[in-house]
Protein backbone atom coordinates (compact mmCIF):
# COMPACT_ATOMS: atom_id res chain seq x y z
CA MET A 1 11.80 84.37 -43.04
CA SER A 2 11.31 81.09 -41.17
CA VAL A 3 14.51 81.68 -39.16
CA SER A 4 13.44 85.22 -38.27
CA LYS A 5 9.97 84.07 -37.24
CA ASN A 6 11.33 81.37 -34.98
CA ARG A 7 13.81 83.83 -33.47
CA ASP A 8 11.12 86.42 -32.75
CA THR A 9 8.84 83.77 -31.24
CA SER A 10 11.69 82.67 -29.00
CA LEU A 11 12.32 86.23 -27.88
CA HIS A 12 8.60 86.71 -27.29
CA LEU A 13 8.62 83.81 -24.82
CA SER A 14 12.00 84.57 -23.21
CA ASN A 15 10.59 86.29 -20.11
CA GLU A 16 8.18 83.46 -19.43
CA LYS A 17 10.89 80.84 -19.92
CA GLN A 18 13.26 82.82 -17.70
CA ALA A 19 10.67 82.92 -14.91
CA LEU A 20 10.05 79.21 -15.40
CA ARG A 21 13.75 78.41 -15.21
CA ARG A 22 14.21 80.49 -12.07
CA PHE A 23 11.27 78.84 -10.34
CA LEU A 24 12.38 75.34 -11.36
CA SER A 25 15.97 76.07 -10.32
CA LEU A 26 14.82 77.17 -6.86
CA TYR A 27 12.41 74.23 -6.62
CA ILE A 28 15.06 71.71 -7.67
CA PHE A 29 17.56 73.24 -5.25
CA LEU A 30 15.10 72.89 -2.38
CA VAL A 31 14.21 69.35 -3.45
CA VAL A 32 17.87 68.35 -3.67
CA ALA A 33 18.55 69.96 -0.30
CA LEU A 34 15.61 68.07 1.23
CA LEU A 35 16.69 64.78 -0.33
CA SER A 36 20.28 65.37 0.85
CA LEU A 37 19.02 65.98 4.38
CA LEU A 38 16.86 62.86 4.30
CA SER A 39 19.76 60.85 2.83
CA THR A 40 21.99 62.02 5.65
CA PHE A 41 19.41 60.99 8.25
CA TYR A 42 18.98 57.64 6.50
CA TYR A 43 22.75 57.04 6.39
CA GLN A 44 23.07 57.93 10.06
CA SER A 45 20.18 55.64 10.97
CA GLN A 46 21.84 52.76 9.09
CA GLU A 47 25.07 53.50 10.89
CA GLU A 48 23.27 53.40 14.23
CA LEU A 49 21.66 50.14 13.21
CA MET A 50 25.08 48.73 12.34
CA PHE A 51 26.43 49.78 15.76
CA SER A 52 23.41 48.21 17.44
CA ASN A 53 23.99 44.92 15.65
CA GLN A 54 27.70 45.01 16.39
CA ARG A 55 26.99 45.81 20.05
CA THR A 56 25.07 42.58 20.36
CA VAL A 57 27.88 40.57 18.76
CA LEU A 58 30.64 42.28 20.74
CA SER A 59 28.71 41.97 24.00
CA THR A 60 28.55 38.19 23.44
CA TYR A 61 32.29 38.10 22.70
CA ALA A 62 32.97 40.18 25.83
CA ASN A 63 30.98 37.78 28.01
CA GLU A 64 32.99 34.86 26.60
CA GLN A 65 36.22 36.72 27.34
CA VAL A 66 35.10 37.46 30.91
CA LYS A 67 34.59 33.74 31.46
CA GLN A 68 38.10 33.03 30.17
CA LEU A 69 39.54 35.80 32.37
CA LYS A 70 37.73 34.32 35.38
CA ILE A 71 39.34 30.91 34.69
CA LEU A 72 42.77 32.48 34.19
CA HIS A 73 42.37 34.50 37.38
CA HIS A 74 41.48 31.36 39.30
CA TYR A 75 44.56 29.42 38.11
CA PHE A 76 46.95 32.38 38.16
CA PRO A 77 49.99 32.29 38.48
CA SER A 78 50.29 28.63 37.55
CA LYS A 79 48.56 29.49 34.31
CA THR A 80 49.54 32.82 32.70
CA LYS A 81 48.58 32.64 29.02
CA TYR A 82 46.14 35.42 28.12
CA PRO A 83 42.97 34.00 26.47
CA ARG A 84 42.68 34.66 22.75
CA SER A 85 40.04 34.09 20.05
CA ASP A 86 40.02 33.93 16.24
CA GLN A 87 36.78 35.92 16.19
CA PHE A 88 37.93 39.00 18.07
CA LYS A 89 40.81 40.83 19.75
CA SER A 90 40.76 42.11 23.32
CA ALA A 91 42.56 44.20 25.91
CA ILE A 92 42.27 44.81 29.68
CA TYR A 93 42.99 47.94 31.73
CA ASP A 94 42.78 48.51 35.50
CA ILE A 95 40.51 50.99 37.30
CA GLU A 96 43.15 53.70 36.83
CA ARG A 97 43.01 53.06 33.07
CA VAL A 98 46.50 51.63 33.15
CA TYR A 99 47.32 49.10 30.45
CA ILE A 100 47.52 45.45 31.63
CA PHE A 101 47.47 43.34 28.46
CA SER A 102 46.27 43.68 24.86
CA THR A 103 45.94 41.86 21.58
CA LEU A 104 44.24 44.79 19.89
CA GLU A 105 45.39 45.70 16.38
CA ASN A 106 44.41 49.34 16.99
CA GLU A 107 45.69 50.39 20.43
CA LYS A 108 43.87 53.77 20.42
CA VAL A 109 41.15 53.09 23.00
CA ASN A 110 38.36 55.37 24.24
CA PHE A 111 37.22 54.79 27.83
CA ASP A 112 34.25 57.18 27.52
CA LYS A 113 32.24 55.38 24.80
CA GLU A 114 30.65 51.94 24.97
CA ILE A 115 31.08 51.27 21.26
CA TYR A 116 32.90 53.30 18.63
CA ARG A 117 34.71 53.14 15.31
CA ILE A 118 38.48 53.53 15.25
CA GLY A 119 39.92 53.26 11.75
CA SER A 120 38.61 50.06 10.20
CA LYS A 121 37.90 48.48 13.64
CA ILE A 122 34.95 48.49 16.01
CA HIS A 123 35.71 48.66 19.74
CA PHE A 124 33.33 47.67 22.54
CA VAL A 125 34.01 48.55 26.18
CA LYS A 126 32.69 46.40 29.08
CA LEU A 127 33.16 47.33 32.74
CA LEU A 128 34.17 44.50 35.03
CA ASP A 129 32.94 44.45 38.63
CA ASP A 130 34.96 41.45 39.78
CA TYR A 131 38.37 42.79 38.79
CA TYR A 132 39.67 39.53 37.32
CA LEU A 133 43.46 39.89 37.01
CA GLY A 134 43.00 43.41 38.33
CA ALA A 135 41.08 44.43 35.19
CA HIS A 136 38.23 46.93 35.29
CA TYR A 137 37.93 47.70 31.57
CA LEU A 138 37.63 45.02 28.90
CA PHE A 139 37.95 46.08 25.25
CA THR A 140 36.85 43.76 22.44
CA GLU A 141 37.73 44.51 18.82
CA ILE A 142 36.44 43.24 15.45
CA ASP A 143 36.79 44.37 11.82
CA GLU A 144 34.03 46.66 10.63
CA ASP A 145 31.78 45.06 8.04
CA LYS A 146 31.52 47.71 5.27
CA SER A 147 28.73 45.98 3.36
CA TRP A 148 26.12 48.19 5.07
CA VAL A 149 27.77 51.32 3.55
CA LYS A 150 27.42 50.05 -0.01
CA GLU A 151 23.84 48.96 0.58
CA ALA A 152 22.94 52.30 2.17
CA ILE A 153 24.46 54.28 -0.71
CA LEU A 154 22.69 52.15 -3.34
CA ASN A 155 19.38 52.65 -1.53
CA ILE A 156 19.97 56.42 -1.28
CA ILE A 157 20.74 56.64 -5.02
CA ALA A 158 17.78 54.47 -6.04
CA PHE A 159 15.13 56.03 -3.82
CA GLY A 160 16.61 59.53 -4.27
CA THR A 161 16.42 59.26 -8.06
CA VAL A 162 12.81 58.07 -7.96
CA ALA A 163 11.87 60.81 -5.48
CA LEU A 164 13.64 63.45 -7.58
CA ILE A 165 11.75 62.39 -10.72
CA ILE A 166 8.40 62.37 -8.92
CA LEU A 167 9.01 65.74 -7.25
CA GLY A 168 10.24 67.11 -10.59
CA ILE A 169 6.94 66.12 -12.24
CA PHE A 170 5.02 67.75 -9.40
CA GLY A 171 7.25 70.83 -9.78
CA LEU A 172 6.37 71.18 -13.47
CA PHE A 173 2.70 70.82 -12.62
CA PHE A 174 2.84 73.43 -9.87
CA VAL A 175 4.95 75.89 -11.86
CA ASN A 176 2.44 75.77 -14.72
CA LEU A 177 -0.34 76.26 -12.21
CA PHE A 178 1.40 79.24 -10.58
CA LEU A 179 2.43 80.82 -13.91
CA ARG A 180 -1.05 80.55 -15.41
CA PRO A 181 -2.23 83.95 -14.04
CA MET A 182 0.92 85.61 -15.43
CA LYS A 183 0.42 83.88 -18.80
CA ASN A 184 -3.19 85.05 -18.90
CA SER A 185 -2.15 88.62 -18.03
CA ILE A 186 0.53 88.65 -20.73
CA ALA A 187 -1.89 87.16 -23.27
CA LEU A 188 -4.47 89.81 -22.34
CA LEU A 189 -1.92 92.58 -22.71
CA ASP A 190 -0.67 91.21 -26.04
CA ASN A 191 -4.24 90.99 -27.36
CA PHE A 192 -4.82 94.55 -26.25
CA ILE A 193 -1.67 95.62 -28.10
CA LYS A 194 -2.84 93.84 -31.25
CA ASP A 195 -6.25 95.48 -31.08
CA THR A 196 -4.71 98.87 -30.35
CA THR A 197 -2.31 98.53 -33.25
CA HIS A 198 -5.15 97.75 -35.63
CA GLU A 199 -7.20 100.75 -34.47
CA LEU A 200 -4.29 103.26 -34.48
CA ASN A 201 -3.27 103.01 -38.10
CA THR A 202 -6.02 104.95 -39.84
CA PRO A 203 -6.34 107.96 -37.47
CA ILE A 204 -2.55 108.42 -37.16
CA SER A 205 -2.07 108.36 -40.90
CA ALA A 206 -4.93 110.83 -41.36
CA ILE A 207 -3.60 113.23 -38.70
CA LEU A 208 -0.05 113.27 -40.05
CA ALA A 209 -1.21 113.59 -43.66
CA ASN A 210 -3.49 116.55 -42.86
CA ILE A 211 -0.79 118.28 -40.86
CA GLU A 212 1.59 118.06 -43.83
CA MET A 213 -1.06 119.48 -46.20
CA MET A 214 -1.90 122.52 -44.02
CA ASP A 215 -0.72 125.89 -45.29
CA LYS A 216 1.11 127.47 -42.36
CA THR A 217 1.61 130.77 -44.20
CA VAL A 218 -2.03 131.75 -43.64
CA MET A 219 -2.00 130.73 -39.98
CA SER A 220 -1.44 132.96 -37.02
CA GLU A 221 1.59 132.38 -34.78
CA LYS A 222 -0.73 131.07 -32.09
CA ASN A 223 -2.30 128.49 -34.38
CA ILE A 224 1.12 127.45 -35.74
CA LYS A 225 2.21 126.62 -32.19
CA LYS A 226 -0.97 124.61 -31.62
CA LEU A 227 -0.39 122.75 -34.89
CA SER A 228 3.19 122.07 -33.84
CA ARG A 229 1.98 120.55 -30.54
CA ILE A 230 -0.51 118.41 -32.50
CA ASN A 231 2.31 117.30 -34.80
CA VAL A 232 4.50 116.35 -31.83
CA ALA A 233 1.67 114.37 -30.23
CA ALA A 234 0.86 112.64 -33.51
CA LYS A 235 4.53 111.65 -34.08
CA THR A 236 4.71 110.32 -30.52
CA VAL A 237 1.68 108.14 -31.17
CA SER A 238 3.07 107.20 -34.57
CA HIS A 239 6.33 106.03 -32.94
CA LEU A 240 4.34 103.90 -30.48
CA TYR A 241 2.30 102.52 -33.41
CA GLN A 242 5.48 101.52 -35.25
CA ASP A 243 6.77 99.72 -32.12
CA LEU A 244 3.46 97.89 -31.71
CA THR A 245 3.41 96.95 -35.40
CA TYR A 246 6.94 95.57 -35.19
CA LEU A 247 6.10 93.67 -32.00
CA VAL A 248 2.90 92.12 -33.36
CA LEU A 249 3.62 91.77 -37.07
CA GLY A 250 7.43 91.95 -37.30
CA HIS A 251 7.83 88.20 -37.64
CA GLN A 252 5.54 88.19 -40.70
CA ARG A 253 7.67 90.49 -42.87
CA THR A 254 10.55 89.27 -45.01
CA VAL A 255 13.97 90.22 -43.66
CA ARG A 256 15.91 92.38 -46.14
CA ASP A 257 19.50 92.63 -44.98
CA GLU A 258 21.57 95.07 -47.04
CA TRP A 259 24.31 97.64 -46.67
CA ILE A 260 22.79 100.59 -44.79
CA ASP A 261 24.41 104.07 -44.63
CA LEU A 262 24.24 104.39 -40.87
CA GLU A 263 25.34 108.06 -40.86
CA ALA A 264 22.52 109.09 -43.21
CA LEU A 265 19.99 107.00 -41.26
CA VAL A 266 20.97 108.58 -37.92
CA LYS A 267 20.67 112.06 -39.42
CA ALA A 268 17.25 111.23 -40.86
CA ARG A 269 15.94 109.88 -37.54
CA VAL A 270 17.30 112.90 -35.66
CA GLU A 271 15.46 115.14 -38.15
CA TYR A 272 12.28 113.09 -37.58
CA PHE A 273 12.50 113.57 -33.79
CA SER A 274 13.70 117.19 -33.92
CA LEU A 275 10.21 118.60 -33.44
CA LEU A 276 9.62 116.34 -30.43
CA ALA A 277 13.00 117.36 -28.96
CA GLU A 278 12.24 121.07 -29.51
CA SER A 279 9.04 120.70 -27.48
CA LYS A 280 11.32 120.09 -24.44
CA SER A 281 14.05 122.49 -25.61
CA ILE A 282 16.42 119.52 -26.01
CA LYS A 283 19.46 120.02 -28.25
CA PHE A 284 21.04 117.33 -30.43
CA VAL A 285 24.83 117.19 -30.62
CA LEU A 286 26.08 115.05 -33.48
CA ASP A 287 29.55 113.59 -34.00
CA LEU A 288 29.06 111.26 -36.95
CA ARG A 289 31.52 109.61 -39.31
CA PRO A 290 30.68 107.71 -42.50
CA CYS A 291 29.75 104.15 -41.60
CA SER A 292 27.73 101.38 -43.21
CA ILE A 293 26.40 98.16 -41.70
CA TRP A 294 24.86 95.00 -43.17
CA ILE A 295 21.41 94.82 -41.58
CA ASP A 296 17.67 95.15 -42.18
CA GLU A 297 16.97 98.90 -42.49
CA ALA A 298 13.60 98.74 -40.74
CA LYS A 299 15.14 96.94 -37.77
CA ILE A 300 18.13 99.22 -37.27
CA ALA A 301 15.74 102.20 -37.67
CA ARG A 302 13.62 100.78 -34.82
CA VAL A 303 16.76 100.55 -32.67
CA ILE A 304 17.77 104.15 -33.33
CA ASP A 305 14.22 105.48 -33.02
CA ASN A 306 13.63 103.83 -29.65
CA LEU A 307 16.94 104.98 -28.21
CA ILE A 308 16.39 108.58 -29.37
CA SER A 309 12.77 108.50 -28.20
CA ASN A 310 13.79 107.31 -24.73
CA ALA A 311 16.59 109.90 -24.61
CA ILE A 312 13.94 112.58 -25.24
CA LYS A 313 11.30 111.08 -22.98
CA TYR A 314 13.55 110.72 -19.93
CA ASN A 315 15.65 113.84 -20.52
CA LYS A 316 15.31 117.05 -18.58
CA ARG A 317 13.89 120.20 -20.19
CA GLY A 318 16.69 122.12 -21.87
CA GLY A 319 18.86 119.02 -21.86
CA GLU A 320 21.13 117.53 -24.48
CA ILE A 321 21.30 114.34 -26.55
CA ARG A 322 24.69 113.40 -27.96
CA LEU A 323 25.03 110.92 -30.81
CA ILE A 324 28.51 109.63 -31.67
CA LEU A 325 29.04 107.31 -34.65
CA LYS A 326 32.46 105.80 -35.24
CA GLU A 327 33.66 102.86 -37.29
CA ASP A 328 32.98 100.30 -34.56
CA TYR A 329 30.39 101.81 -32.26
CA LEU A 330 27.32 104.04 -31.93
CA ILE A 331 26.74 106.04 -28.73
CA ILE A 332 23.48 107.75 -27.72
CA SER A 333 23.70 109.63 -24.44
CA ASP A 334 21.34 112.01 -22.64
CA THR A 335 21.36 114.36 -19.64
CA GLY A 336 18.20 112.95 -18.15
CA ILE A 337 16.99 111.29 -14.98
CA GLY A 338 19.32 108.28 -15.17
CA ILE A 339 18.67 104.69 -14.12
CA GLU A 340 19.40 103.08 -10.79
CA LYS A 341 22.34 100.69 -11.10
CA GLU A 342 20.38 97.67 -9.88
CA LYS A 343 17.66 98.29 -12.52
CA ILE A 344 19.99 98.49 -15.54
CA SER A 345 20.04 94.72 -16.01
CA ALA A 346 16.21 94.69 -16.28
CA MET A 347 15.80 97.75 -18.50
CA PHE A 348 15.51 95.63 -21.69
CA ASP A 349 12.78 93.40 -20.26
CA ARG A 350 9.39 93.67 -21.89
CA TYR A 351 6.90 95.95 -20.08
CA SER A 352 9.75 97.36 -17.97
CA ARG A 353 9.72 101.15 -17.56
CA PHE A 354 12.12 103.57 -15.85
CA ASN A 355 9.32 105.24 -13.92
CA SER A 356 5.53 105.32 -13.86
CA SER A 357 5.12 108.96 -14.84
CA GLU A 358 6.22 108.75 -18.49
CA GLY A 359 3.62 106.30 -19.75
CA GLY A 360 4.14 103.84 -22.60
CA PHE A 361 3.98 100.07 -22.68
CA GLY A 362 7.65 99.51 -21.88
CA ILE A 363 8.29 97.58 -25.11
CA GLY A 364 10.71 99.88 -26.93
CA LEU A 365 13.95 98.74 -25.27
CA ASN A 366 12.82 95.14 -25.43
CA ILE A 367 12.53 95.52 -29.20
CA VAL A 368 15.99 97.13 -29.25
CA LYS A 369 17.54 94.19 -27.35
CA SER A 370 15.80 91.58 -29.50
CA ILE A 371 17.16 93.18 -32.70
CA LEU A 372 20.66 93.58 -31.28
CA ASP A 373 20.62 89.93 -30.14
CA GLU A 374 19.41 88.84 -33.57
CA TYR A 375 22.46 90.44 -35.21
CA ALA A 376 24.85 89.58 -32.34
CA LEU A 377 25.48 93.27 -31.54
CA LYS A 378 26.75 93.93 -28.02
CA VAL A 379 25.24 96.78 -26.00
CA GLU A 380 26.73 98.54 -22.98
CA VAL A 381 24.76 100.81 -20.62
CA ASN A 382 26.17 103.33 -18.17
CA SER A 383 23.89 105.55 -16.11
CA VAL A 384 24.10 107.98 -13.21
CA ILE A 385 20.99 109.15 -11.37
CA LYS A 386 20.08 112.79 -12.25
CA ARG A 387 23.06 113.00 -14.63
CA GLY A 388 21.97 110.87 -17.56
CA THR A 389 22.36 107.59 -19.43
CA THR A 390 24.80 106.48 -22.11
CA ILE A 391 24.03 103.54 -24.39
CA LYS A 392 26.85 102.20 -26.52
CA ILE A 393 26.26 99.73 -29.34
CA PHE A 394 29.34 97.90 -30.64
CA LEU A 395 29.17 97.49 -34.39
CA PRO A 396 30.60 94.35 -36.00
CA LYS A 397 34.01 94.47 -37.65
CA ARG A 398 34.23 94.03 -41.41
CA SER A 399 34.02 90.25 -42.12
CA LYS A 400 31.94 88.03 -44.38
CA GLY A 401 29.88 90.93 -45.64
CA TYR A 402 28.93 92.14 -42.16
CA GLY A 403 30.28 95.21 -40.44
CA ALA A 404 31.32 98.78 -40.83
CA VAL A 405 33.00 99.96 -44.03
């Protein structure tokens, strides 16, 4: 009983949790996207800062090299050794960008940028106005110091994690704030259902009991038809009452799993709904084979009742409901209004209805799905607008006491 109660409570809160997960997923995605964008900007700013610092260093080296080139130019050709330094490499090109001399380790130069990264090197370009040794372009080269990359990444991880936690806390606060009206509405509706359930029991029982006790042999044909319509209406309300009772009080009853003769149960439920089907001139077509399943009888009855009830409710007048029971599946199909393909995935959600003209709370199919999930029974829905809907329930194979026999 404890397991069943916890399971029903979990199913009762599934829609709210699903909405919460969707909101948080979207919020976290936006937060991560924002943090990624900020991290990119921060990384780029650190890179620009690195280039700025390196520009200062390389500019100093370039000025030193210019002085050495001036001295070499003055003593040329008696002195021809190109000036070198342990701190940097350099190269000179003429105004036509023709190579003159180079000690660069990476010879791929870019004349259009003042400072740039090339592989693991940083190049700085200085324009010479005095054309020492015929040079107009002076390139200086140093190794890139990668320490700034590690520091930037560590800062991004540290501050990003802190920001993600803080924004996550704010997200939980805001999502609870935004979901509060929905929670209040659901609580109000659930309380209304509980109150309605309590008030429906006595009058429904009285109506059905009095209908059964009436002697139809002394009634006129006109009054028999009126009584039949009253009986149909009372059974419709009784079916709604049973759904509400299961929804509100189902977790309080003890689960009694046993071998259920599914063929006999389907026939009994068809007989129960026959009067309601006749009111719309709907015909039942049965193709049933002997089959038993290990399950709680009240729960599988709720599944069958709700599927048959919906097949009647959303069927056309003079339509047909086909029930097929085989060893490993149960099919209930109708010739009704059908369901739009994009709405099929939401048809089992609580308070979801196919259209607004048929009434009801929209809880029947939610009860069906919760019971099928409880017993790990797979359901498949196929529907075509204005042609009808087919619902197929796959029954478990015989194993460990569960399944068809």
